[in-house]
């Protein structure tokens, strides 16, 4: 199960209570047992925090001390992001209870260390002397898993926020390079959907795909048609998430927006221009068309869920939306 952090939200655990509730409860139940490995882990965590040696006790050992950042700093790194992130409850649970589970390994025992450091990236310009970041390039689920473990051990929220952990730091020169690094660094741990890759690369040139407000404010920065498609998909996805429409996954909503753009582009040449050129000429047209899809979404999703025929849900949703959006915006369907 995954949820899009589409509201530009801090990674503080309290913001993910609903998503991670079952994992939090499981960790607290395990670590509050009076005896056994988890009880010993709880005592070890508390002792290491008091001694200022959490890194030495709970992160894999390295010859170099590395960079340290507080969990609060990492939680607040969301302010530098340009696209909505995905938090995977299954991945958080696996970190705590999987083959290398920090609280309990599958089959018994527990892993002594977090095996991979959280990686953060900065976009640096040595000539201008500027630096943008940090942005977590790998490890959002790890950071949330650590917070679950620390809370289950009895640490207060302020103590968790102040705790420093070792991180790996990379520097890149462009936003596009940063997005490529995020995709590369996470490919081994989970699959990136075509929607997520499309949105990440679309947001590499100043376009902000966090939510509809950020899209509307920055759509003029879209550098090509791929970026406009990514923005349209991100718009539909955010609208669906904010409306609580759970019939499709976030990636499916994004794909529906992409398909909707493609269908409109195929049928329309306003003022003898391509659909893309016409929208790019006046980006208020993008907002008008995207907003029309907002109004139609709830009814369209209900219609799609009632269909019994086989086929991709994203395509079905786009097919339902096209005539409604086209009619409202004076376009051909």
C-alpha atoms as a PDB file:
ATOM      1  CA  UNK A   1       0.000   0.000   0.000  1.00  0.00           C
ATOM      2  CA  UNK A   2       1.371   3.420  -0.910  1.00  0.00           C
ATOM      3  CA  UNK A   3       0.148   6.944  -0.431  1.00  0.00           C
ATOM      4  CA  UNK A   4       1.234  10.068  -2.242  1.00  0.00           C
ATOM      5  CA  UNK A   5       2.603  12.755   0.049  1.00  0.00           C
ATOM      6  CA  UNK A   6       0.962  15.223  -2.281  1.00  0.00           C
ATOM      7  CA  UNK A   7       0.190  17.965   0.232  1.00  0.00           C
ATOM      8  CA  UNK A   8       3.827  18.980   0.618  1.00  0.00           C
ATOM      9  CA  UNK A   9       3.917  17.527   4.121  1.00  0.00           C
ATOM     10  CA  UNK A  10       6.700  17.095   6.651  1.00  0.00           C
ATOM     11  CA  UNK A  11       7.924  13.531   7.118  1.00  0.00           C
ATOM     12  CA  UNK A  12       7.192  13.663  10.830  1.00  0.00           C
ATOM     13  CA  UNK A  13       5.537  10.394  11.832  1.00  0.00           C
ATOM     14  CA  UNK A  14       2.425  12.130  13.181  1.00  0.00           C
ATOM     15  CA  UNK A  15       1.509  13.064   9.590  1.00  0.00           C
ATOM     16  CA  UNK A  16       1.375   9.387   8.587  1.00  0.00           C
ATOM     17  CA  UNK A  17      -0.551   7.932  11.524  1.00  0.00           C
ATOM     18  CA  UNK A  18      -3.410   6.699   9.365  1.00  0.00           C
ATOM     19  CA  UNK A  19      -1.189   5.076   6.751  1.00  0.00           C
ATOM     20  CA  UNK A  20       1.204   3.469   9.239  1.00  0.00           C
ATOM     21  CA  UNK A  21      -1.195   2.786  12.105  1.00  0.00           C
ATOM     22  CA  UNK A  22      -0.944  -1.021  11.872  1.00  0.00           C
ATOM     23  CA  UNK A  23       2.869  -0.920  11.703  1.00  0.00           C
ATOM     24  CA  UNK A  24       3.080   1.448  14.685  1.00  0.00           C
ATOM     25  CA  UNK A  25       0.755  -0.779  16.721  1.00  0.00           C
ATOM     26  CA  UNK A  26       2.741  -3.895  15.854  1.00  0.00           C
ATOM     27  CA  UNK A  27       6.041  -2.270  16.850  1.00  0.00           C
ATOM     28  CA  UNK A  28       4.630  -0.984  20.135  1.00  0.00           C
ATOM     29  CA  UNK A  29       3.117  -4.377  20.984  1.00  0.00           C
ATOM     30  CA  UNK A  30       6.404  -6.145  20.268  1.00  0.00           C
ATOM     31  CA  UNK A  31       8.612  -3.729  22.183  1.00  0.00           C
ATOM     32  CA  UNK A  32       6.340  -3.532  25.206  1.00  0.00           C
ATOM     33  CA  UNK A  33       6.626  -7.240  25.914  1.00  0.00           C
ATOM     34  CA  UNK A  34       8.204  -7.705  29.370  1.00  0.00           C
ATOM     35  CA  UNK A  35      10.771 -10.211  28.110  1.00  0.00           C
ATOM     36  CA  UNK A  36      12.551 -11.195  24.929  1.00  0.00           C
ATOM     37  CA  UNK A  37      14.630  -9.558  22.227  1.00  0.00           C
ATOM     38  CA  UNK A  38      12.351  -6.591  21.657  1.00  0.00           C
ATOM     39  CA  UNK A  39      12.374  -5.687  25.336  1.00  0.00           C
ATOM     40  CA  UNK A  40      16.178  -5.772  25.241  1.00  0.00           C
ATOM     41  CA  UNK A  41      16.122  -3.650  22.071  1.00  0.00           C
ATOM     42  CA  UNK A  42      13.957  -1.061  23.803  1.00  0.00           C
ATOM     43  CA  UNK A  43      16.440  -0.790  26.681  1.00  0.00           C
ATOM     44  CA  UNK A  44      19.348  -0.599  24.219  1.00  0.00           C
ATOM     45  CA  UNK A  45      17.724   2.204  22.240  1.00  0.00           C
ATOM     46  CA  UNK A  46      17.049   4.277  25.346  1.00  0.00           C
ATOM     47  CA  UNK A  47      20.602   3.729  26.631  1.00  0.00           C
ATOM     48  CA  UNK A  48      22.184   4.641  23.269  1.00  0.00           C
ATOM     49  CA  UNK A  49      20.131   7.841  22.969  1.00  0.00           C
ATOM     50  CA  UNK A  50      21.050   8.907  26.495  1.00  0.00           C
ATOM     51  CA  UNK A  51      24.713   8.180  25.796  1.00  0.00           C
ATOM     52  CA  UNK A  52      24.639  10.030  22.472  1.00  0.00           C
ATOM     53  CA  UNK A  53      25.688   6.881  20.605  1.00  0.00           C
ATOM     54  CA  UNK A  54      22.626   5.948  18.575  1.00  0.00           C
ATOM     55  CA  UNK A  55      24.658   5.924  15.345  1.00  0.00           C
ATOM     56  CA  UNK A  56      27.235   3.497  16.739  1.00  0.00           C
ATOM     57  CA  UNK A  57      24.606   1.169  18.152  1.00  0.00           C
ATOM     58  CA  UNK A  58      22.005   1.180  15.389  1.00  0.00           C
ATOM     59  CA  UNK A  59      23.624   2.115  12.062  1.00  0.00           C
ATOM     60  CA  UNK A  60      26.000  -0.115  10.135  1.00  0.00           C
ATOM     61  CA  UNK A  61      29.598   0.748  10.956  1.00  0.00           C
ATOM     62  CA  UNK A  62      31.708   2.737   8.513  1.00  0.00           C
ATOM     63  CA  UNK A  63      35.363   3.835   8.635  1.00  0.00           C
ATOM     64  CA  UNK A  64      34.444   7.517   8.219  1.00  0.00           C
ATOM     65  CA  UNK A  65      32.136   9.426  10.597  1.00  0.00           C
ATOM     66  CA  UNK A  66      30.113  10.944   7.739  1.00  0.00           C
ATOM     67  CA  UNK A  67      27.596  13.764   7.897  1.00  0.00           C
ATOM     68  CA  UNK A  68      25.038  13.903  10.695  1.00  0.00           C
ATOM     69  CA  UNK A  69      21.553  15.376  10.492  1.00  0.00           C
ATOM     70  CA  UNK A  70      18.727  15.443  12.997  1.00  0.00           C
ATOM     71  CA  UNK A  71      15.493  13.624  12.228  1.00  0.00           C
ATOM     72  CA  UNK A  72      13.790  17.023  12.389  1.00  0.00           C
ATOM     73  CA  UNK A  73      16.056  18.352   9.622  1.00  0.00           C
ATOM     74  CA  UNK A  74      15.255  15.329   7.494  1.00  0.00           C
ATOM     75  CA  UNK A  75      11.530  15.681   8.169  1.00  0.00           C
ATOM     76  CA  UNK A  76      11.625  19.303   7.036  1.00  0.00           C
ATOM     77  CA  UNK A  77      13.510  18.498   3.829  1.00  0.00           C
ATOM     78  CA  UNK A  78      10.125  18.277   2.093  1.00  0.00           C
ATOM     79  CA  UNK A  79      10.261  22.063   1.530  1.00  0.00           C
ATOM     80  CA  UNK A  80      12.857  21.547  -1.215  1.00  0.00           C
ATOM     81  CA  UNK A  81      10.909  18.921  -3.157  1.00  0.00           C
ATOM     82  CA  UNK A  82       9.339  19.603  -6.541  1.00  0.00           C
ATOM     83  CA  UNK A  83       7.095  16.571  -6.930  1.00  0.00           C
ATOM     84  CA  UNK A  84       4.839  14.522  -4.694  1.00  0.00           C
ATOM     85  CA  UNK A  85       6.570  11.657  -2.920  1.00  0.00           C
ATOM     86  CA  UNK A  86       5.351   8.141  -2.229  1.00  0.00           C
ATOM     87  CA  UNK A  87       5.410   6.567   1.204  1.00  0.00           C
ATOM     88  CA  UNK A  88       5.018   2.787   1.137  1.00  0.00           C
ATOM     89  CA  UNK A  89       3.559   1.267   4.306  1.00  0.00           C
ATOM     90  CA  UNK A  90       4.689  -2.188   3.186  1.00  0.00           C
ATOM     91  CA  UNK A  91       8.273  -0.995   2.838  1.00  0.00           C
ATOM     92  CA  UNK A  92       8.213   0.575   6.323  1.00  0.00           C
ATOM     93  CA  UNK A  93       6.922  -2.680   7.756  1.00  0.00           C
ATOM     94  CA  UNK A  94       9.612  -4.665   5.911  1.00  0.00           C
ATOM     95  CA  UNK A  95      12.374  -2.475   7.386  1.00  0.00           C
ATOM     96  CA  UNK A  96      11.070  -3.210  10.873  1.00  0.00           C
ATOM     97  CA  UNK A  97       9.882  -6.816  10.472  1.00  0.00           C
ATOM     98  CA  UNK A  98      11.306  -8.192   7.217  1.00  0.00           C
ATOM     99  CA  UNK A  99      14.439 -10.298   6.530  1.00  0.00           C
ATOM    100  CA  UNK A 100      16.623  -7.554   8.062  1.00  0.00           C
ATOM    101  CA  UNK A 101      13.956  -6.304  10.472  1.00  0.00           C
ATOM    102  CA  UNK A 102      15.166  -3.810  13.050  1.00  0.00           C
ATOM    103  CA  UNK A 103      12.503  -4.781  15.597  1.00  0.00           C
ATOM    104  CA  UNK A 104      12.086  -8.435  14.659  1.00  0.00           C
ATOM    105  CA  UNK A 105      13.412 -10.368  11.675  1.00  0.00           C
ATOM    106  CA  UNK A 106      11.208 -12.767   9.777  1.00  0.00           C
ATOM    107  CA  UNK A 107      12.119 -16.105  11.326  1.00  0.00           C
ATOM    108  CA  UNK A 108      13.297 -14.660  14.641  1.00  0.00           C
ATOM    109  CA  UNK A 109      15.964 -12.397  16.080  1.00  0.00           C
ATOM    110  CA  UNK A 110      16.562  -8.898  14.784  1.00  0.00           C
ATOM    111  CA  UNK A 111      19.025  -7.054  12.577  1.00  0.00           C
ATOM    112  CA  UNK A 112      21.575  -5.155  14.667  1.00  0.00           C
ATOM    113  CA  UNK A 113      21.875  -2.154  12.346  1.00  0.00           C
ATOM    114  CA  UNK A 114      20.068  -0.093   9.761  1.00  0.00           C
ATOM    115  CA  UNK A 115      22.036  -1.461   6.814  1.00  0.00           C
ATOM    116  CA  UNK A 116      21.728   1.554   4.503  1.00  0.00           C
ATOM    117  CA  UNK A 117      22.125   5.213   5.455  1.00  0.00           C
ATOM    118  CA  UNK A 118      19.535   7.723   4.344  1.00  0.00           C
ATOM    119  CA  UNK A 119      20.890   9.636   1.345  1.00  0.00           C
ATOM    120  CA  UNK A 120      20.327  13.357   0.856  1.00  0.00           C
ATOM    121  CA  UNK A 121      21.151  15.460  -2.173  1.00  0.00           C
ATOM    122  CA  UNK A 122      21.972  19.114  -2.804  1.00  0.00           C
ATOM    123  CA  UNK A 123      21.811  21.024  -6.085  1.00  0.00           C
ATOM    124  CA  UNK A 124      24.938  23.148  -6.014  1.00  0.00           C
ATOM    125  CA  UNK A 125      26.217  25.898  -8.284  1.00  0.00           C
ATOM    126  CA  UNK A 126      29.859  26.616  -7.401  1.00  0.00           C
ATOM    127  CA  UNK A 127      29.975  29.695  -9.629  1.00  0.00           C
ATOM    128  CA  UNK A 128      26.913  31.347  -8.122  1.00  0.00           C
ATOM    129  CA  UNK A 129      27.744  29.973  -4.692  1.00  0.00           C
ATOM    130  CA  UNK A 130      24.210  28.598  -4.220  1.00  0.00           C
ATOM    131  CA  UNK A 131      22.960  25.332  -2.803  1.00  0.00           C
ATOM    132  CA  UNK A 132      19.412  23.949  -2.740  1.00  0.00           C
ATOM    133  CA  UNK A 133      18.623  21.143  -0.324  1.00  0.00           C
ATOM    134  CA  UNK A 134      18.646  18.840   1.390  1.00  0.00           C
ATOM    135  CA  UNK A 135      16.303  16.580  -0.550  1.00  0.00           C
ATOM    136  CA  UNK A 136      16.023  12.952   0.504  1.00  0.00           C
ATOM    137  CA  UNK A 137      17.138  11.017  -2.556  1.00  0.00           C
ATOM    138  CA  UNK A 138      16.845   7.613  -0.881  1.00  0.00           C
ATOM    139  CA  UNK A 139      15.400   6.600   2.478  1.00  0.00           C
ATOM    140  CA  UNK A 140      12.030   8.217   3.228  1.00  0.00           C
ATOM    141  CA  UNK A 141      10.611   4.862   4.276  1.00  0.00           C
ATOM    142  CA  UNK A 142      13.729   4.183   6.375  1.00  0.00           C
ATOM    143  CA  UNK A 143      13.342   7.492   8.156  1.00  0.00           C
ATOM    144  CA  UNK A 144       9.719   6.760   8.990  1.00  0.00           C
ATOM    145  CA  UNK A 145      10.654   3.244  10.135  1.00  0.00           C
ATOM    146  CA  UNK A 146      13.249   4.713  12.500  1.00  0.00           C
ATOM    147  CA  UNK A 147      10.629   7.050  13.939  1.00  0.00           C
ATOM    148  CA  UNK A 148       8.239   4.126  14.474  1.00  0.00           C
ATOM    149  CA  UNK A 149      10.960   2.175  16.264  1.00  0.00           C
ATOM    150  CA  UNK A 150      11.956   5.126  18.443  1.00  0.00           C
ATOM    151  CA  UNK A 151       8.369   5.896  19.400  1.00  0.00           C
ATOM    152  CA  UNK A 152       7.773   2.226  20.247  1.00  0.00           C
ATOM    153  CA  UNK A 153      10.833   2.406  22.509  1.00  0.00           C
ATOM    154  CA  UNK A 154       9.158   5.191  24.460  1.00  0.00           C
ATOM    155  CA  UNK A 155      10.938   8.293  23.152  1.00  0.00           C
ATOM    156  CA  UNK A 156       8.965  11.531  23.164  1.00  0.00           C
ATOM    157  CA  UNK A 157       8.371  13.337  19.868  1.00  0.00           C
ATOM    158  CA  UNK A 158      10.827  16.115  20.804  1.00  0.00           C
ATOM    159  CA  UNK A 159      13.548  13.574  21.588  1.00  0.00           C
ATOM    160  CA  UNK A 160      12.983  11.804  18.275  1.00  0.00           C
ATOM    161  CA  UNK A 161      13.124  15.097  16.365  1.00  0.00           C
ATOM    162  CA  UNK A 162      16.410  16.091  18.022  1.00  0.00           C
ATOM    163  CA  UNK A 163      18.132  12.732  17.473  1.00  0.00           C
ATOM    164  CA  UNK A 164      20.984  12.885  14.977  1.00  0.00           C
ATOM    165  CA  UNK A 165      21.679  10.062  12.558  1.00  0.00           C
ATOM    166  CA  UNK A 166      24.402   9.575   9.964  1.00  0.00           C
ATOM    167  CA  UNK A 167      23.432  10.343   6.360  1.00  0.00           C
ATOM    168  CA  UNK A 168      25.115   9.974   3.004  1.00  0.00           C
ATOM    169  CA  UNK A 169      25.400  13.221   1.021  1.00  0.00           C
ATOM    170  CA  UNK A 170      25.580  13.705  -2.741  1.00  0.00           C
ATOM    171  CA  UNK A 171      25.901  16.878  -4.798  1.00  0.00           C
ATOM    172  CA  UNK A 172      24.445  17.403  -8.248  1.00  0.00           C
ATOM    173  CA  UNK A 173      24.452  20.376 -10.578  1.00  0.00           C
ATOM    174  CA  UNK A 174      20.880  20.365 -11.909  1.00  0.00           C
ATOM    175  CA  UNK A 175      17.354  19.522 -10.805  1.00  0.00           C
ATOM    176  CA  UNK A 176      17.162  16.970 -13.620  1.00  0.00           C
ATOM    177  CA  UNK A 177      20.249  15.210 -12.308  1.00  0.00           C
ATOM    178  CA  UNK A 178      18.729  15.123  -8.824  1.00  0.00           C
ATOM    179  CA  UNK A 179      15.534  13.497 -10.109  1.00  0.00           C
ATOM    180  CA  UNK A 180      17.541  10.921 -12.051  1.00  0.00           C
ATOM    181  CA  UNK A 181      19.494  10.131  -8.895  1.00  0.00           C
ATOM    182  CA  UNK A 182      16.276   9.594  -6.929  1.00  0.00           C
ATOM    183  CA  UNK A 183      15.073   7.113  -9.545  1.00  0.00           C
ATOM    184  CA  UNK A 184      18.444   5.335  -9.674  1.00  0.00           C
ATOM    185  CA  UNK A 185      18.959   5.212  -5.902  1.00  0.00           C
ATOM    186  CA  UNK A 186      15.558   3.656  -5.253  1.00  0.00           C
ATOM    187  CA  UNK A 187      15.242   1.244  -8.155  1.00  0.00           C
ATOM    188  CA  UNK A 188      16.728  -1.615  -6.147  1.00  0.00           C
ATOM    189  CA  UNK A 189      14.191  -1.298  -3.325  1.00  0.00           C
ATOM    190  CA  UNK A 190      10.975  -0.699  -5.269  1.00  0.00           C
ATOM    191  CA  UNK A 191       9.586  -0.304  -8.753  1.00  0.00           C
ATOM    192  CA  UNK A 192       9.040   3.194 -10.082  1.00  0.00           C
ATOM    193  CA  UNK A 193       5.802   3.480 -12.004  1.00  0.00           C
ATOM    194  CA  UNK A 194       5.804   5.186 -15.386  1.00  0.00           C
ATOM    195  CA  UNK A 195       3.703   7.923 -13.773  1.00  0.00           C
ATOM    196  CA  UNK A 196       6.278   8.629 -11.070  1.00  0.00           C
ATOM    197  CA  UNK A 197       9.171   8.702 -13.546  1.00  0.00           C
ATOM    198  CA  UNK A 198       7.179  10.987 -15.860  1.00  0.00           C
ATOM    199  CA  UNK A 199       6.399  13.412 -13.030  1.00  0.00           C
ATOM    200  CA  UNK A 200       9.956  13.436 -11.678  1.00  0.00           C
ATOM    201  CA  UNK A 201      11.476  14.259 -15.039  1.00  0.00           C
ATOM    202  CA  UNK A 202       8.723  16.758 -15.806  1.00  0.00           C
ATOM    203  CA  UNK A 203       9.556  18.605 -12.588  1.00  0.00           C
ATOM    204  CA  UNK A 204      13.225  18.954 -13.447  1.00  0.00           C
ATOM    205  CA  UNK A 205      13.075  22.456 -14.923  1.00  0.00           C
ATOM    206  CA  UNK A 206      11.362  24.639 -12.351  1.00  0.00           C
ATOM    207  CA  UNK A 207       7.886  23.131 -12.674  1.00  0.00           C
ATOM    208  CA  UNK A 208       6.469  22.154  -9.265  1.00  0.00           C
ATOM    209  CA  UNK A 209       4.265  19.043  -9.248  1.00  0.00           C
ATOM    210  CA  UNK A 210       3.517  18.817  -5.530  1.00  0.00           C
ATOM    211  CA  UNK A 211      -0.175  19.725  -5.760  1.00  0.00           C
ATOM    212  CA  UNK A 212      -2.598  21.701  -7.931  1.00  0.00           C
ATOM    213  CA  UNK A 213      -1.666  25.044  -6.371  1.00  0.00           C
ATOM    214  CA  UNK A 214       2.028  24.550  -7.102  1.00  0.00           C
ATOM    215  CA  UNK A 215       1.243  23.345 -10.633  1.00  0.00           C
ATOM    216  CA  UNK A 216      -0.886  26.395 -11.361  1.00  0.00           C
ATOM    217  CA  UNK A 217       1.811  28.713  -9.985  1.00  0.00           C
ATOM    218  CA  UNK A 218       4.647  27.170 -12.035  1.00  0.00           C
ATOM    219  CA  UNK A 219       3.068  25.701 -15.175  1.00  0.00           C
ATOM    220  CA  UNK A 220       4.685  28.459 -17.227  1.00  0.00           C
ATOM    221  CA  UNK A 221       8.023  26.774 -16.409  1.00  0.00           C
ATOM    222  CA  UNK A 222       7.058  23.592 -18.283  1.00  0.00           C
ATOM    223  CA  UNK A 223       9.788  23.201 -20.872  1.00  0.00           C
ATOM    224  CA  UNK A 224       8.194  20.751 -23.325  1.00  0.00           C
ATOM    225  CA  UNK A 225       5.080  18.694 -23.980  1.00  0.00           C
ATOM    226  CA  UNK A 226       6.323  15.893 -21.728  1.00  0.00           C
ATOM    227  CA  UNK A 227       6.358  18.339 -18.831  1.00  0.00           C
ATOM    228  CA  UNK A 228       2.795  19.483 -19.635  1.00  0.00           C
ATOM    229  CA  UNK A 229       1.641  15.848 -19.701  1.00  0.00           C
ATOM    230  CA  UNK A 230       3.355  15.188 -16.378  1.00  0.00           C
ATOM    231  CA  UNK A 231       1.677  18.254 -14.907  1.00  0.00           C
ATOM    232  CA  UNK A 232      -1.731  17.168 -16.190  1.00  0.00           C
ATOM    233  CA  UNK A 233      -1.294  13.720 -14.670  1.00  0.00           C
ATOM    234  CA  UNK A 234      -0.116  15.163 -11.359  1.00  0.00           C
ATOM    235  CA  UNK A 235      -3.103  17.548 -11.357  1.00  0.00           C
ATOM    236  CA  UNK A 236      -5.637  14.738 -11.807  1.00  0.00           C
ATOM    237  CA  UNK A 237      -3.862  12.645  -9.174  1.00  0.00           C
ATOM    238  CA  UNK A 238      -3.870  15.444  -6.601  1.00  0.00           C
ATOM    239  CA  UNK A 239      -7.532  16.227  -7.280  1.00  0.00           C
ATOM    240  CA  UNK A 240      -8.481  12.581  -6.763  1.00  0.00           C
ATOM    241  CA  UNK A 241      -6.431  12.267  -3.568  1.00  0.00           C
ATOM    242  CA  UNK A 242      -7.862  15.454  -2.088  1.00  0.00           C
ATOM    243  CA  UNK A 243     -11.384  14.327  -2.894  1.00  0.00           C
ATOM    244  CA  UNK A 244     -10.740  10.966  -1.235  1.00  0.00           C
ATOM    245  CA  UNK A 245     -11.428   9.026  -4.436  1.00  0.00           C
ATOM    246  CA  UNK A 246      -9.851   5.659  -3.646  1.00  0.00           C
ATOM    247  CA  UNK A 247     -11.083   3.686  -6.642  1.00  0.00           C
ATOM    248  CA  UNK A 248      -7.727   3.935  -8.443  1.00  0.00           C
ATOM    249  CA  UNK A 249      -4.136   4.158  -7.234  1.00  0.00           C
ATOM    250  CA  UNK A 250      -2.231   7.464  -7.380  1.00  0.00           C
ATOM    251  CA  UNK A 251      -0.261   6.155 -10.372  1.00  0.00           C
ATOM    252  CA  UNK A 252      -3.475   5.195 -12.190  1.00  0.00           C
ATOM    253  CA  UNK A 253      -4.930   8.661 -11.684  1.00  0.00           C
ATOM    254  CA  UNK A 254      -1.717  10.176 -13.044  1.00  0.00           C
ATOM    255  CA  UNK A 255      -1.825   7.842 -16.044  1.00  0.00           C
ATOM    256  CA  UNK A 256      -5.457   8.814 -16.633  1.00  0.00           C
ATOM    257  CA  UNK A 257      -4.439  12.480 -16.788  1.00  0.00           C
ATOM    258  CA  UNK A 258      -1.670  11.639 -19.249  1.00  0.00           C
ATOM    259  CA  UNK A 259      -4.091   9.658 -21.426  1.00  0.00           C
ATOM    260  CA  UNK A 260      -6.640  12.478 -21.265  1.00  0.00           C
ATOM    261  CA  UNK A 261      -4.034  14.941 -22.557  1.00  0.00           C
ATOM    262  CA  UNK A 262      -3.072  12.548 -25.375  1.00  0.00           C
ATOM    263  CA  UNK A 263      -6.678  12.140 -26.503  1.00  0.00           C
ATOM    264  CA  UNK A 264      -7.342  15.870 -26.501  1.00  0.00           C
ATOM    265  CA  UNK A 265      -4.077  16.525 -28.348  1.00  0.00           C
ATOM    266  CA  UNK A 266      -4.989  13.979 -31.018  1.00  0.00           C
ATOM    267  CA  UNK A 267      -8.420  15.487 -31.730  1.00  0.00           C
ATOM    268  CA  UNK A 268      -7.707  19.210 -31.416  1.00  0.00           C
ATOM    269  CA  UNK A 269      -5.748  21.775 -33.434  1.00  0.00           C
ATOM    270  CA  UNK A 270      -7.114  25.100 -32.088  1.00  0.00           C
ATOM    271  CA  UNK A 271      -6.319  28.117 -34.254  1.00  0.00           C
ATOM    272  CA  UNK A 272      -4.417  25.741 -36.609  1.00  0.00           C
ATOM    273  CA  UNK A 273      -1.862  25.068 -33.866  1.00  0.00           C
ATOM    274  CA  UNK A 274      -0.997  21.800 -32.200  1.00  0.00           C
ATOM    275  CA  UNK A 275      -2.821  21.317 -28.922  1.00  0.00           C
ATOM    276  CA  UNK A 276       0.517  21.600 -27.088  1.00  0.00           C
ATOM    277  CA  UNK A 277       1.477  24.870 -28.848  1.00  0.00           C
ATOM    278  CA  UNK A 278      -1.966  26.329 -28.172  1.00  0.00           C
ATOM    279  CA  UNK A 279      -1.829  25.508 -24.447  1.00  0.00           C
ATOM    280  CA  UNK A 280       1.787  26.657 -24.100  1.00  0.00           C
ATOM    281  CA  UNK A 281       0.909  29.993 -25.734  1.00  0.00           C
ATOM    282  CA  UNK A 282      -1.450  30.761 -22.846  1.00  0.00           C
ATOM    283  CA  UNK A 283      -1.040  28.498 -19.817  1.00  0.00           C
ATOM    284  CA  UNK A 284      -4.351  29.753 -18.405  1.00  0.00           C
ATOM    285  CA  UNK A 285      -5.817  27.299 -20.918  1.00  0.00           C
ATOM    286  CA  UNK A 286      -4.028  24.470 -19.115  1.00  0.00           C
ATOM    287  CA  UNK A 287      -5.591  25.502 -15.817  1.00  0.00           C
ATOM    288  CA  UNK A 288      -9.045  25.791 -17.410  1.00  0.00           C
ATOM    289  CA  UNK A 289      -8.877  22.294 -18.932  1.00  0.00           C
ATOM    290  CA  UNK A 290      -7.365  20.713 -15.832  1.00  0.00           C
ATOM    291  CA  UNK A 291     -10.004  22.346 -13.605  1.00  0.00           C
ATOM    292  CA  UNK A 292     -12.735  20.964 -15.852  1.00  0.00           C
ATOM    293  CA  UNK A 293     -11.419  17.471 -15.141  1.00  0.00           C
ATOM    294  CA  UNK A 294     -11.690  18.210 -11.390  1.00  0.00           C
ATOM    295  CA  UNK A 295     -15.410  18.820 -11.638  1.00  0.00           C
ATOM    296  CA  UNK A 296     -16.001  15.636 -13.598  1.00  0.00           C
ATOM    297  CA  UNK A 297     -13.825  13.297 -11.539  1.00  0.00           C
ATOM    298  CA  UNK A 298     -16.198  11.968  -8.844  1.00  0.00           C
ATOM    299  CA  UNK A 299     -18.909  10.996 -11.322  1.00  0.00           C
ATOM    300  CA  UNK A 300     -16.349   9.634 -13.790  1.00  0.00           C
ATOM    301  CA  UNK A 301     -14.680   7.431 -11.173  1.00  0.00           C
ATOM    302  CA  UNK A 302     -18.051   6.040 -10.100  1.00  0.00           C
ATOM    303  CA  UNK A 303     -18.853   5.254 -13.731  1.00  0.00           C
ATOM    304  CA  UNK A 304     -15.528   3.476 -14.236  1.00  0.00           C
ATOM    305  CA  UNK A 305     -15.893   1.391 -11.079  1.00  0.00           C
ATOM    306  CA  UNK A 306     -19.345   0.288 -12.250  1.00  0.00           C
ATOM    307  CA  UNK A 307     -17.987  -0.994 -15.568  1.00  0.00           C
ATOM    308  CA  UNK A 308     -17.608  -4.768 -15.850  1.00  0.00           C
ATOM    309  CA  UNK A 309     -15.440  -4.884 -18.978  1.00  0.00           C
ATOM    310  CA  UNK A 310     -11.735  -5.685 -18.851  1.00  0.00           C
ATOM    311  CA  UNK A 311      -9.082  -3.085 -19.475  1.00  0.00           C
ATOM    312  CA  UNK A 312      -6.801  -0.593 -17.711  1.00  0.00           C
ATOM    313  CA  UNK A 313      -8.706   1.587 -15.242  1.00  0.00           C
ATOM    314  CA  UNK A 314      -6.631   4.647 -16.164  1.00  0.00           C
ATOM    315  CA  UNK A 315      -7.640   4.386 -19.825  1.00  0.00           C
ATOM    316  CA  UNK A 316     -11.276   3.847 -18.868  1.00  0.00           C
ATOM    317  CA  UNK A 317     -11.229   6.944 -16.676  1.00  0.00           C
ATOM    318  CA  UNK A 318      -9.663   9.053 -19.430  1.00  0.00           C
ATOM    319  CA  UNK A 319     -12.296   7.809 -21.892  1.00  0.00           C
ATOM    320  CA  UNK A 320     -15.093   8.912 -19.554  1.00  0.00           C
ATOM    321  CA  UNK A 321     -13.496  12.285 -18.841  1.00  0.00           C
ATOM    322  CA  UNK A 322     -12.662  13.296 -22.429  1.00  0.00           C
ATOM    323  CA  UNK A 323     -16.164  14.214 -23.687  1.00  0.00           C
ATOM    324  CA  UNK A 324     -17.056  16.032 -20.462  1.00  0.00           C
ATOM    325  CA  UNK A 325     -13.854  18.090 -20.385  1.00  0.00           C
ATOM    326  CA  UNK A 326     -13.985  18.788 -24.126  1.00  0.00           C
ATOM    327  CA  UNK A 327     -17.578  20.027 -23.914  1.00  0.00           C
ATOM    328  CA  UNK A 328     -16.829  22.358 -21.009  1.00  0.00           C
ATOM    329  CA  UNK A 329     -13.766  23.828 -22.730  1.00  0.00           C
ATOM    330  CA  UNK A 330     -15.110  24.096 -26.288  1.00  0.00           C
ATOM    331  CA  UNK A 331     -12.844  21.349 -27.630  1.00  0.00           C
ATOM    332  CA  UNK A 332     -13.374  18.304 -29.814  1.00  0.00           C
ATOM    333  CA  UNK A 333     -13.754  14.910 -28.159  1.00  0.00           C
END
